[in-house]
Protein backbone atom coordinates (compact mmCIF):
# COMPACT_ATOMS: atom_id res chain seq x y z
CA MET A 1 0.00 0.00 0.00
CA PRO A 2 1.25 3.51 -0.76
CA LEU A 3 2.10 5.68 2.18
CA THR A 4 -0.59 8.19 3.06
CA ILE A 5 -0.17 11.92 3.23
CA GLY A 6 0.44 13.06 6.79
CA GLN A 7 1.74 9.75 8.12
CA PRO A 8 5.25 9.65 9.64
CA ALA A 9 7.89 8.68 7.08
CA PRO A 10 9.67 5.41 7.83
CA ASP A 11 13.16 6.18 9.13
CA PHE A 12 16.15 4.82 7.26
CA SER A 13 19.91 4.92 7.23
CA LEU A 14 21.41 4.28 3.79
CA MET A 15 24.91 4.65 2.35
CA ASN A 16 25.50 7.31 -0.26
CA GLN A 17 27.86 6.98 -3.21
CA ASN A 18 30.81 7.79 -0.91
CA ARG A 19 29.80 5.01 1.49
CA LYS A 20 28.76 7.56 4.12
CA PRO A 21 25.50 6.94 5.99
CA VAL A 22 22.54 9.25 5.44
CA THR A 23 19.84 8.92 8.11
CA LEU A 24 16.40 10.40 7.60
CA SER A 25 15.89 11.32 11.26
CA ASP A 26 19.08 13.43 11.10
CA LEU A 27 17.38 15.56 8.44
CA ARG A 28 14.43 16.63 10.62
CA GLY A 29 13.69 20.29 9.96
CA LYS A 30 14.44 19.89 6.24
CA ARG A 31 12.14 18.97 3.36
CA VAL A 32 13.42 15.70 1.87
CA VAL A 33 12.73 14.68 -1.74
CA LEU A 34 13.35 11.00 -2.48
CA LEU A 35 13.60 10.12 -6.17
CA PHE A 36 13.22 6.34 -6.36
CA TYR A 37 14.43 4.83 -9.63
CA PRO A 38 15.15 1.32 -10.92
CA MET A 39 18.78 1.29 -12.07
CA ASP A 40 21.90 3.37 -12.52
CA PHE A 41 22.95 3.75 -16.17
CA SER A 42 19.59 2.65 -17.60
CA PRO A 43 18.30 4.97 -20.35
CA ILE A 44 15.28 6.50 -18.61
CA CYS A 45 16.97 6.79 -15.22
CA THR A 46 19.97 8.50 -16.80
CA THR A 47 17.78 10.95 -18.72
CA GLU A 48 15.80 11.77 -15.56
CA HIS A 49 18.81 12.36 -13.32
CA CYS A 50 20.54 14.47 -15.95
CA SER A 51 17.46 16.70 -16.29
CA PHE A 52 16.76 16.81 -12.53
CA GLY A 53 20.39 17.72 -11.84
CA LEU A 54 20.28 20.66 -14.23
CA GLU A 55 17.19 21.98 -12.44
CA LEU A 56 18.19 21.15 -8.86
CA HIS A 57 18.00 24.83 -7.85
CA THR A 58 14.37 24.90 -9.05
CA ILE A 59 13.46 21.61 -7.37
CA GLN A 60 14.98 22.68 -4.06
CA ALA A 61 13.30 26.10 -4.11
CA GLY A 62 15.33 27.13 -1.09
CA ALA A 63 18.07 25.95 1.19
CA ASN A 64 15.69 23.91 3.35
CA THR A 65 15.17 21.12 0.77
CA VAL A 66 17.48 18.17 0.12
CA VAL A 67 17.17 15.75 -2.79
CA PHE A 68 18.32 12.13 -2.95
CA GLY A 69 18.16 9.46 -5.62
CA VAL A 70 17.34 6.06 -4.09
CA ASN A 71 17.59 2.57 -5.53
CA CYS A 72 18.96 -0.90 -4.81
CA ASP A 73 22.28 -0.54 -6.62
CA HIS A 74 25.58 -0.69 -4.76
CA PRO A 75 27.35 2.51 -3.62
CA PHE A 76 30.23 1.82 -6.03
CA CYS A 77 27.78 1.81 -8.93
CA HIS A 78 26.24 5.04 -7.61
CA GLU A 79 29.68 6.62 -7.40
CA ALA A 80 30.40 5.89 -11.07
CA PHE A 81 26.90 6.95 -12.20
CA LYS A 82 27.05 10.22 -10.28
CA LYS A 83 30.53 11.02 -11.57
CA GLN A 84 29.86 10.14 -15.20
CA PHE A 85 26.66 12.21 -15.42
CA ASN A 86 27.58 14.98 -12.96
CA ILE A 87 24.56 14.36 -10.73
CA PRO A 88 24.63 17.10 -8.07
CA TYR A 89 22.78 15.26 -5.27
CA ASP A 90 23.57 12.12 -3.30
CA LEU A 91 22.48 8.69 -4.50
CA LEU A 92 21.46 6.34 -1.70
CA SER A 93 21.99 2.60 -1.82
CA ASP A 94 19.33 0.23 -0.46
CA THR A 95 20.93 -3.14 -1.14
CA SER A 96 18.76 -4.80 1.53
CA ARG A 97 15.62 -3.41 -0.16
CA ALA A 98 14.18 -2.62 3.30
CA THR A 99 13.67 1.08 2.55
CA VAL A 100 12.17 0.62 -0.91
CA LYS A 101 9.75 -1.90 0.61
CA ALA A 102 8.89 0.41 3.54
CA TYR A 103 8.06 3.18 1.05
CA ASP A 104 6.11 0.80 -1.23
CA MET A 105 8.65 1.44 -3.98
CA TYR A 106 9.80 -2.16 -4.51
CA TRP A 107 9.26 -3.42 -8.06
CA GLY A 108 9.82 -7.04 -7.09
CA VAL A 109 12.34 -9.80 -7.62
CA GLU A 110 11.39 -10.32 -11.26
CA PRO A 111 12.54 -9.12 -13.64
CA PHE A 112 15.28 -7.00 -12.02
CA ASN A 113 14.95 -7.06 -8.20
CA ALA A 114 14.81 -3.27 -8.32
CA SER A 115 13.03 -0.16 -7.12
CA LYS A 116 9.94 1.31 -8.76
CA ARG A 117 10.06 4.78 -10.30
CA GLY A 118 8.44 7.19 -7.87
CA THR A 119 8.72 10.33 -5.81
CA VAL A 120 8.26 10.77 -2.08
CA VAL A 121 8.47 14.08 -0.27
CA ILE A 122 8.89 14.28 3.49
CA ASP A 123 8.07 17.54 5.23
CA GLU A 124 10.11 19.31 7.88
CA SER A 125 8.26 17.43 10.64
CA GLY A 126 9.12 14.03 9.20
CA ASN A 127 5.70 13.30 7.67
CA ILE A 128 4.84 12.25 4.12
CA SER A 129 3.61 15.25 2.12
CA HIS A 130 3.70 13.58 -1.32
CA TRP A 131 3.79 10.00 -2.63
CA SER A 132 3.53 9.11 -6.30
CA GLN A 133 4.65 6.40 -8.65
CA VAL A 134 4.89 6.27 -12.43
CA GLU A 135 5.18 3.28 -14.72
CA ILE A 136 8.71 1.96 -15.06
CA GLY A 137 8.91 2.99 -18.73
CA ASP A 138 7.58 6.52 -18.14
CA HIS A 139 9.67 9.62 -17.54
CA ARG A 140 9.01 12.02 -14.68
CA SER A 141 9.27 15.65 -15.66
CA VAL A 142 11.14 18.33 -13.76
CA ASP A 143 7.78 20.14 -13.41
CA SER A 144 6.24 17.10 -11.69
CA ILE A 145 9.17 16.93 -9.24
CA VAL A 146 8.98 20.69 -8.54
CA LYS A 147 5.23 20.41 -7.88
CA ALA A 148 5.79 17.40 -5.57
CA ALA A 149 8.62 19.15 -3.70
CA ARG A 150 6.31 22.04 -2.91
CA ALA A 151 3.40 19.85 -1.79
């Protein structure tokens, strides 16, 4: 079941591309935008992150918002993906799939044991303010992410 607006966001601690932990509860007081995506280096995911990165200043709409890409790939893969495409925000690694499952963003074991493509926004109090998912083969637009980030 999707998370509902207003419910507390499940806490997590995930490694970023530099193998440093990022813990949601440490970000209390900030708006957190989680961009779930299936795989590093796949065509749609690459196109999305390249366009989101170019418009990060618009998505953040202020210093109080942080953006993270989240999927099940390993931090070493994230490091290469971020470097090759100059992605300006951290990519978080959920190799256990616990976080993608907690956020109802798990695609399933078949065919790729990967995350769904979706957006979750957590408000400054730690509650869900936006939850949406798109089909795996669909692109999210920068406008849709900006609108979600301001929900």
